[in-house]
Protein backbone atom coordinates (compact mmCIF):
# COMPACT_ATOMS: atom_id res chain seq x y z
CA MET A 1 -84.52 30.93 40.76
CA ALA A 2 -83.15 33.74 42.90
CA THR A 3 -80.64 33.26 45.70
CA ILE A 4 -82.34 33.42 49.09
CA HIS A 5 -80.69 34.95 52.17
CA LEU A 6 -81.94 34.64 55.73
CA GLU A 7 -80.29 37.04 58.18
CA GLU A 8 -80.80 36.55 61.91
CA LEU A 9 -84.32 35.31 61.31
CA ARG A 10 -86.43 35.21 64.47
CA LYS A 11 -90.09 34.26 64.83
CA VAL A 12 -92.00 34.51 68.10
CA PHE A 13 -95.54 33.26 68.65
CA GLY A 14 -97.82 34.25 71.49
CA VAL A 15 -99.01 31.05 73.12
CA GLY A 16 -101.27 31.07 76.18
CA GLY A 17 -100.30 34.60 77.09
CA THR A 18 -96.59 33.87 76.89
CA ASP A 19 -94.13 34.15 74.01
CA HIS A 20 -92.97 31.00 72.25
CA VAL A 21 -89.84 31.15 70.09
CA ALA A 22 -90.35 29.04 66.96
CA VAL A 23 -87.27 30.21 65.03
CA ASP A 24 -84.26 31.92 66.57
CA GLY A 25 -81.28 33.55 64.88
CA ILE A 26 -81.18 31.58 61.62
CA SER A 27 -78.70 32.86 59.02
CA LEU A 28 -78.16 30.95 55.80
CA GLU A 29 -77.93 31.29 52.03
CA ILE A 30 -79.83 29.08 49.58
CA PRO A 31 -78.09 29.43 46.18
CA ASP A 32 -79.64 29.04 42.75
CA GLY A 33 -80.46 25.49 41.71
CA SER A 34 -79.70 23.93 45.08
CA PHE A 35 -81.52 21.14 46.88
CA THR A 36 -81.68 22.14 50.55
CA THR A 37 -82.98 20.00 53.39
CA ILE A 38 -83.87 21.51 56.77
CA VAL A 39 -83.32 18.83 59.38
CA GLY A 40 -84.30 18.81 63.03
CA PRO A 41 -86.61 17.30 65.64
CA SER A 42 -90.33 17.91 65.75
CA GLY A 43 -91.19 21.45 66.86
CA CYS A 44 -87.78 22.99 66.15
CA GLY A 45 -89.12 25.42 63.53
CA LYS A 46 -88.55 23.71 60.17
CA THR A 47 -92.05 24.42 58.87
CA THR A 48 -92.08 27.93 60.32
CA THR A 49 -88.82 28.68 58.48
CA LEU A 50 -90.29 27.50 55.17
CA ARG A 51 -93.50 29.43 55.73
CA THR A 52 -91.49 32.55 56.55
CA ILE A 53 -89.46 32.23 53.34
CA ALA A 54 -92.66 31.79 51.34
CA GLY A 55 -94.31 34.75 53.05
CA PHE A 56 -97.06 32.86 54.87
CA GLU A 57 -95.43 33.92 58.15
CA GLN A 58 -93.69 37.23 58.88
CA PRO A 59 -90.57 37.24 61.07
CA THR A 60 -90.58 39.06 64.37
CA GLU A 61 -86.99 40.09 63.72
CA GLY A 62 -84.43 39.65 60.93
CA ARG A 63 -84.53 39.86 57.16
CA VAL A 64 -85.62 37.65 54.25
CA GLY A 65 -83.80 38.55 51.03
CA ILE A 66 -84.68 37.06 47.64
CA GLY A 67 -82.53 37.94 44.66
CA GLY A 68 -80.98 40.82 46.55
CA VAL A 69 -84.38 42.34 47.37
CA ASP A 70 -85.64 42.66 50.94
CA MET A 71 -88.90 40.68 51.03
CA THR A 72 -89.52 41.14 54.74
CA GLY A 73 -93.14 42.12 55.15
CA VAL A 74 -94.05 41.31 51.54
CA PRO A 75 -97.09 38.96 51.56
CA ALA A 76 -97.05 35.54 49.88
CA ASP A 77 -99.13 36.63 46.91
CA ARG A 78 -96.50 39.19 45.96
CA ARG A 79 -93.41 37.13 46.70
CA ASP A 80 -91.60 34.97 44.13
CA THR A 81 -89.37 32.58 46.08
CA GLY A 82 -88.56 30.39 43.10
CA MET A 83 -88.59 27.41 45.47
CA VAL A 84 -90.39 24.08 45.50
CA PHE A 85 -91.46 23.31 49.07
CA GLN A 86 -91.86 19.74 50.28
CA ASP A 87 -93.32 19.82 53.75
CA PHE A 88 -96.32 17.99 55.16
CA ALA A 89 -97.42 20.91 57.31
CA LEU A 90 -96.88 23.76 54.85
CA PHE A 91 -100.45 23.40 53.57
CA PRO A 92 -102.05 20.87 55.92
CA HIS A 93 -105.22 20.65 53.82
CA MET A 94 -103.23 19.54 50.76
CA THR A 95 -101.55 16.25 49.95
CA VAL A 96 -97.78 16.16 49.47
CA GLY A 97 -98.31 16.04 45.71
CA GLU A 98 -100.53 19.12 45.83
CA ASN A 99 -97.97 20.96 47.99
CA VAL A 100 -95.20 20.19 45.51
CA ALA A 101 -97.32 21.08 42.48
CA TYR A 102 -98.28 24.36 44.17
CA GLY A 103 -94.64 25.18 44.77
CA LEU A 104 -93.79 24.44 41.14
CA THR A 105 -96.43 26.87 39.90
CA VAL A 106 -95.55 29.88 42.05
CA GLY A 107 -93.26 32.26 40.23
CA GLY A 108 -93.21 35.35 38.04
CA ASP A 109 -96.50 37.26 38.03
CA TRP A 110 -98.25 35.48 40.86
CA ASP A 111 -101.94 34.87 40.27
CA GLU A 112 -103.79 32.63 42.71
CA ALA A 113 -106.49 31.48 40.30
CA ARG A 114 -103.95 30.63 37.60
CA ALA A 115 -101.69 28.93 40.14
CA GLN A 116 -104.53 26.69 41.31
CA GLU A 117 -105.38 25.91 37.69
CA ARG A 118 -101.78 24.93 36.98
CA VAL A 119 -101.73 22.78 40.12
CA ALA A 120 -104.70 20.84 38.77
CA GLU A 121 -103.02 20.49 35.38
CA MET A 122 -99.79 19.29 36.98
CA LEU A 123 -101.53 16.69 39.13
CA GLU A 124 -103.38 15.34 36.10
CA LEU A 125 -100.01 14.63 34.51
CA VAL A 126 -98.22 13.05 37.47
CA ASP A 127 -98.95 11.38 40.77
CA ILE A 128 -96.43 12.50 43.40
CA ARG A 129 -95.97 10.49 46.60
CA ALA A 130 -93.62 11.07 49.48
CA PRO A 131 -91.80 7.90 50.59
CA GLU A 132 -93.75 8.03 53.86
CA GLU A 133 -96.99 7.71 51.89
CA ILE A 134 -95.93 4.38 50.36
CA GLU A 135 -96.87 1.45 52.59
CA MET A 136 -95.16 -1.29 50.57
CA THR A 137 -91.54 -2.26 51.27
CA LEU A 138 -89.21 -4.55 49.36
CA ASP A 139 -89.24 -7.00 52.28
CA GLU A 140 -92.95 -7.49 51.68
CA LEU A 141 -92.45 -8.52 48.05
CA VAL A 142 -91.45 -11.89 46.66
CA LEU A 143 -88.87 -11.26 43.95
CA THR A 144 -86.85 -13.50 41.65
CA GLU A 145 -83.10 -13.76 42.07
CA ASP A 146 -82.57 -11.69 38.92
CA GLN A 147 -84.94 -8.97 40.13
CA GLU A 148 -83.18 -8.77 43.48
CA GLY A 149 -79.81 -8.59 41.70
CA GLU A 150 -80.85 -5.68 39.47
CA ILE A 151 -82.37 -3.77 42.37
CA ASN A 152 -79.26 -4.28 44.47
CA LYS A 153 -77.10 -2.93 41.62
CA ILE A 154 -79.17 0.22 41.30
CA VAL A 155 -79.11 0.74 45.08
CA LYS A 156 -75.32 0.55 44.98
CA ALA A 157 -75.22 2.96 42.04
CA ILE A 158 -77.26 5.49 44.03
CA GLU A 159 -74.96 5.09 47.03
CA HIS A 160 -71.88 5.69 44.88
CA ARG A 161 -73.11 8.35 42.45
CA GLU A 162 -70.10 10.59 43.04
CA TYR A 163 -67.66 7.77 42.28
CA LEU A 164 -69.53 6.85 39.08
CA ALA A 165 -69.47 10.48 37.95
CA GLN A 166 -65.75 10.68 38.73
CA ILE A 167 -64.93 7.71 36.49
CA GLY A 168 -67.24 8.97 33.74
CA LEU A 169 -69.91 6.23 34.02
CA ARG A 170 -73.03 8.33 33.60
CA GLU A 171 -75.23 6.12 31.41
CA ILE A 172 -76.82 4.26 34.27
CA GLY A 173 -80.07 4.35 36.20
CA LYS A 174 -82.70 3.73 33.49
CA LEU A 175 -84.62 0.51 34.09
CA LEU A 176 -87.39 -1.12 32.08
CA PHE A 177 -89.71 -3.45 33.99
CA VAL A 178 -91.26 -6.02 31.64
CA GLY A 179 -94.01 -8.50 32.42
CA PRO A 180 -97.73 -9.31 32.47
CA PRO A 181 -100.19 -7.26 34.56
CA GLY A 182 -100.23 -8.09 38.25
CA THR A 183 -96.65 -9.35 38.50
CA GLY A 184 -95.41 -6.54 40.74
CA LYS A 185 -93.82 -3.96 38.45
CA THR A 186 -95.54 -0.95 40.02
CA SER A 187 -95.32 -2.37 43.55
CA THR A 188 -91.58 -2.94 43.20
CA ALA A 189 -90.97 0.59 41.94
CA ARG A 190 -92.99 2.08 44.80
CA ALA A 191 -91.33 -0.14 47.40
CA LEU A 192 -87.94 0.90 46.07
CA ALA A 193 -88.92 4.55 46.57
CA HIS A 194 -90.00 3.79 50.13
CA ASP A 195 -86.82 1.90 51.02
CA LEU A 196 -84.54 4.51 49.43
CA ASP A 197 -86.53 7.36 51.03
CA LEU A 198 -87.11 9.03 47.66
CA PRO A 199 -90.15 10.90 46.31
CA PHE A 200 -92.10 8.80 43.78
CA VAL A 201 -93.29 10.54 40.61
CA GLU A 202 -95.63 8.35 38.54
CA VAL A 203 -96.97 9.07 35.07
CA LYS A 204 -99.03 6.96 32.68
CA LEU A 205 -97.88 7.71 29.16
CA SER A 206 -101.29 6.97 27.65
CA MET A 207 -102.81 9.73 29.79
CA ILE A 208 -100.33 12.30 28.50
CA THR A 209 -100.66 11.39 24.85
CA SER A 210 -104.40 10.88 24.71
CA GLN A 211 -105.70 13.79 26.78
CA TYR A 212 -103.43 16.64 25.71
CA LEU A 213 -103.35 16.52 21.92
CA GLY A 214 -101.57 19.60 20.65
CA GLU A 215 -99.78 20.23 23.95
CA THR A 216 -98.48 16.73 24.48
CA ALA A 217 -94.83 17.54 23.90
CA LYS A 218 -95.01 20.41 26.40
CA ASN A 219 -96.59 18.11 28.98
CA VAL A 220 -93.88 15.50 28.46
CA GLU A 221 -91.29 18.20 29.13
CA LYS A 222 -93.21 19.27 32.26
CA VAL A 223 -93.11 15.72 33.63
CA PHE A 224 -89.32 15.54 33.33
CA GLU A 225 -88.95 19.06 34.70
CA VAL A 226 -90.98 18.06 37.76
CA ALA A 227 -88.74 15.02 38.27
CA LYS A 228 -85.54 17.07 37.97
CA ARG A 229 -86.80 19.71 40.39
CA LEU A 230 -87.86 17.05 42.89
CA SER A 231 -84.55 15.21 42.62
CA PRO A 232 -83.37 13.00 44.07
CA CYS A 233 -86.47 11.00 43.14
CA ILE A 234 -87.82 8.05 41.17
CA LEU A 235 -89.67 8.81 37.92
CA PHE A 236 -91.92 5.86 37.08
CA MET A 237 -93.37 5.78 33.56
CA ASP A 238 -96.16 3.23 33.28
CA GLU A 239 -97.59 1.90 30.01
CA PHE A 240 -94.33 2.54 28.20
CA ASP A 241 -95.50 0.32 25.34
CA PHE A 242 -97.77 3.20 24.33
CA VAL A 243 -94.67 4.84 22.85
CA ALA A 244 -94.13 2.02 20.38
CA LYS A 245 -97.81 1.88 19.50
CA THR A 246 -97.79 5.57 18.67
CA ARG A 247 -94.55 5.44 16.65
CA ALA A 248 -95.91 2.57 14.53
CA SER A 249 -99.24 4.25 13.83
CA ASP A 250 -100.41 7.03 11.54
CA GLU A 251 -101.49 9.29 14.37
CA HIS A 252 -101.51 13.06 14.35
CA ALA A 253 -98.14 14.76 13.88
CA ALA A 254 -98.45 16.30 17.37
CA ILE A 255 -98.43 12.80 18.85
CA LYS A 256 -95.30 11.89 16.92
CA ARG A 257 -93.58 15.07 18.09
CA ALA A 258 -94.52 14.17 21.66
CA VAL A 259 -93.00 10.72 21.28
CA ASN A 260 -89.78 12.19 19.93
CA THR A 261 -89.77 14.63 22.83
CA LEU A 262 -90.25 11.74 25.25
CA LEU A 263 -87.35 9.75 23.83
CA LYS A 264 -85.10 12.81 23.83
CA SER A 265 -86.11 13.62 27.43
CA ILE A 266 -85.16 10.10 28.45
CA ASP A 267 -81.79 10.55 26.76
CA ASP A 268 -81.22 13.85 28.58
CA ILE A 269 -82.01 12.67 32.12
CA SER A 270 -79.44 10.91 34.27
CA LEU A 271 -79.23 9.30 37.68
CA ILE A 272 -75.64 10.47 38.03
CA GLN A 273 -76.11 14.06 36.85
CA ASP A 274 -79.76 14.75 37.73
CA ASP A 275 -80.32 12.37 40.68
CA VAL A 276 -83.38 10.90 38.93
CA LEU A 277 -83.84 7.13 38.77
CA LEU A 278 -85.97 6.39 35.69
CA ILE A 279 -88.14 3.27 35.62
CA GLY A 280 -90.34 2.36 32.68
CA ALA A 281 -92.92 -0.43 32.77
CA THR A 282 -94.68 -2.33 30.01
CA ASN A 283 -97.10 -5.24 29.77
CA HIS A 284 -96.40 -5.60 26.04
CA PRO A 285 -92.65 -5.79 25.33
CA ASP A 286 -93.41 -7.21 21.87
CA GLN A 287 -94.83 -3.81 20.88
CA LEU A 288 -91.67 -1.84 21.74
CA ASP A 289 -89.45 -0.88 18.83
CA ALA A 290 -85.68 -0.78 18.89
CA ALA A 291 -85.53 2.96 19.61
CA ALA A 292 -87.50 2.45 22.82
CA TRP A 293 -85.41 -0.51 24.00
CA ARG A 294 -82.18 1.44 23.50
CA ARG A 295 -83.21 4.06 26.05
CA PHE A 296 -82.79 1.66 28.98
CA ASP A 297 -79.56 0.23 30.30
CA GLU A 298 -81.20 -2.60 32.26
CA ILE A 299 -84.22 -4.79 31.46
CA VAL A 300 -85.87 -6.44 34.47
CA ASN A 301 -88.22 -9.33 33.72
CA PHE A 302 -91.35 -9.81 35.84
CA PRO A 303 -92.72 -13.25 34.87
CA LYS A 304 -95.77 -14.89 36.36
CA PRO A 305 -94.66 -16.60 39.59
CA ASP A 306 -93.80 -20.28 39.59
CA ARG A 307 -95.13 -22.71 42.18
CA GLY A 308 -92.47 -21.88 44.79
CA MET A 309 -92.94 -18.14 44.39
CA ARG A 310 -96.72 -18.51 44.64
CA ALA A 311 -96.31 -20.36 47.93
CA ASP A 312 -93.98 -17.63 49.23
CA ILE A 313 -96.41 -14.90 48.12
CA LEU A 314 -99.21 -16.67 49.99
CA ARG A 315 -97.07 -16.83 53.12
CA VAL A 316 -96.36 -13.11 52.91
CA ILE A 317 -99.92 -11.91 52.32
CA THR A 318 -101.38 -14.17 55.02
CA ARG A 319 -99.00 -13.09 57.78
CA ALA A 320 -101.71 -11.27 59.70
CA MET A 321 -104.43 -13.87 59.03
CA GLU A 322 -105.47 -16.83 61.15
CA ILE A 323 -105.89 -19.89 58.91
CA GLU A 324 -106.50 -23.39 60.27
CA GLU A 325 -104.30 -26.12 58.75
CA PHE A 326 -102.85 -23.64 56.28
CA ASP A 327 -100.87 -25.31 53.49
CA PRO A 328 -99.54 -22.65 51.08
CA ASP A 329 -97.84 -25.27 48.91
CA ALA A 330 -101.16 -26.98 48.25
CA ILE A 331 -102.81 -23.67 47.29
CA ALA A 332 -99.83 -22.85 45.07
CA GLU A 333 -100.36 -26.16 43.28
CA LEU A 334 -103.96 -25.13 42.51
CA THR A 335 -103.11 -21.65 41.23
CA GLU A 336 -100.82 -22.21 38.25
CA GLY A 337 -100.89 -19.17 35.97
CA LEU A 338 -102.06 -16.75 38.65
CA THR A 339 -100.07 -13.62 39.48
CA GLY A 340 -99.37 -12.10 42.86
CA SER A 341 -102.26 -9.71 42.29
CA ASP A 342 -104.55 -12.64 41.50
CA LEU A 343 -103.53 -14.38 44.72
CA ARG A 344 -104.41 -11.27 46.72
CA MET A 345 -107.85 -11.31 45.12
CA VAL A 346 -108.28 -14.97 46.04
CA LEU A 347 -107.42 -14.19 49.67
CA ARG A 348 -109.76 -11.21 49.64
CA GLU A 349 -112.67 -13.35 48.50
CA ALA A 350 -111.90 -16.02 51.10
CA VAL A 351 -111.87 -13.41 53.87
CA LEU A 352 -115.12 -11.80 52.72
CA ASP A 353 -116.86 -15.17 52.40
CA ALA A 354 -115.78 -16.05 55.95
CA LEU A 355 -117.04 -12.70 57.25
CA THR A 356 -120.50 -13.43 55.81
CA GLU A 357 -120.50 -16.38 58.21
CA GLU A 358 -119.29 -14.17 61.08
CA ARG A 359 -115.87 -15.84 61.05
CA THR A 360 -112.45 -14.18 61.23
CA THR A 361 -110.58 -17.49 61.23
CA LEU A 362 -110.18 -19.05 57.80
CA THR A 363 -109.72 -22.68 56.85
CA GLN A 364 -107.76 -24.36 54.09
CA GLN A 365 -111.09 -25.24 52.50
CA ASP A 366 -112.03 -21.53 52.40
CA LEU A 367 -108.93 -20.85 50.31
CA GLU A 368 -109.53 -23.80 47.99
CA ASP A 369 -113.14 -22.69 47.44
CA ALA A 370 -111.97 -19.12 46.74
CA VAL A 371 -109.52 -20.42 44.11
CA THR A 372 -112.35 -22.32 42.40
CA ASP A 373 -114.61 -19.26 42.45
CA PHE A 374 -111.83 -17.08 41.09
CA GLU A 375 -111.13 -19.45 38.19
CA GLU A 376 -114.84 -19.62 37.34
CA ARG A 377 -115.14 -15.83 37.29
CA ASP A 378 -111.93 -15.52 35.29
CA THR A 379 -113.19 -18.00 32.68
CA LEU A 380 -116.52 -16.20 32.47
CA LYS A 381 -114.84 -12.83 32.06
CA ASN A 382 -112.70 -14.05 29.17
CA MET A 383 -115.52 -15.78 27.25
CA ASP A 384 -116.31 -14.67 23.72
CA MET A 385 -119.72 -13.08 24.28
CA ILE A 386 -121.55 -14.12 21.12
CA GLU A 387 -124.96 -14.46 22.72
CA GLY A 388 -126.62 -13.74 26.05
CA ASP A 389 -126.95 -10.86 28.45
CA HIS A 390 -123.68 -8.93 28.18
CA ASP A 391 -124.39 -6.73 31.20
CA ALA A 392 -125.19 -9.72 33.37
CA LEU A 393 -121.97 -11.45 32.36
CA VAL A 394 -119.89 -8.40 33.20
CA ALA A 395 -121.65 -7.80 36.50
CA GLY A 396 -121.19 -11.37 37.64
CA GLY A 397 -117.83 -12.09 36.14
CA ASP A 398 -115.53 -9.15 36.87
CA ILE A 399 -115.32 -8.58 40.59
CA GLY A 400 -111.99 -6.77 40.20
CA GLY A 401 -113.54 -4.08 38.04
CA SER A 402 -111.41 -4.77 34.96
CA GLY A 403 -113.01 -4.46 31.59
CA SER A 404 -110.35 -6.34 29.66
CA SER A 405 -111.26 -9.40 27.66
CA GLY A 406 -107.93 -10.79 26.53
CA GLY A 407 -106.94 -14.42 26.86
CA GLY A 408 -105.52 -16.01 29.98
CA HIS A 409 -105.30 -14.19 33.30
CA ASP A 410 -105.07 -10.74 31.79
CA HIS A 411 -105.78 -8.57 34.84
CA SER A 412 -105.23 -4.85 34.64
CA HIS A 413 -104.26 -4.32 38.28
CA ASP A 414 -100.61 -4.39 39.32
CA HIS A 415 -100.17 -4.78 43.06
């Protein structure tokens, strides 16, 4: 990355026959490896400044210097800024993730076709969300006391990163969320990103290791490089149990190298030094070996909710609904073994059934009927299909779209 200098930058637009000053007299230096935020009210020229640095706008006056070279007048396709831009309006037709991936690819010998190809490759590896794109907040989740305690500790660690670095406590900020599908692991990680106002970088380890044989280790390194360059951020690694599965198998040597690269990358990343909060998630803790467990300093358990938690979850997800004689405790009594995700599906079915009768007001009986229907479908989905019409069973028994057939309430969604 080359140091960027802006000297008396001025940008004037012609609007309605009159001049409009979008940027006026900006002088600043952006050094190598820095994380710079341009702050100001709407319309003050933040986006115009970024677009001018990148070369998508040309200044009316002033100078843009990159690495000691005057880039004023040099178009974007010939300008290497060495920057990653995060701005909603930089490329309005792209998502935030696409904007960031585009910024990560621009550099060296700039080639538009290759850059777009690398953007696609990058976005297949990770899902990048700005905190504003995450609708869930921690206040909307029902958490156990232990979960709340662990989250509060990590929030305090982020607030006091400089103090922790000063006293030499750097091995902190790597969490492993453990629990069955649908218990809120992904939702909690996303809500934490929203509440902390941090970008959320999500990767499914099975996607990396299964789709990029031969280049898997390189892609693992790319994921961690993206996280470091987007820091401060949250890096969420789903399906972490895939690591243990791979290490215990006789897979191709390239897979084993990728796993070793993954474990080393986890060792080398730090909340204190890199401003990256690492969260792993697994539905199968029994399949993790000791080497995987050792990478995390905190283990957060996400069990299926008990009766009281189920009642609280029902109260939260029905806040905007009108339900006559609503008794969440009674519904919680009927739904032992169901997760928060399951309860949302029950409510969804109750609402849709009421809409078929042109009703927007639900009754307690609607919810009880939806619970019965859900349990019937769940039992049907988990049957051992020895005889009969397999396609008919799947079509009628798996409304949620999951193809799993394990025992119990083994739902693949995690909301």
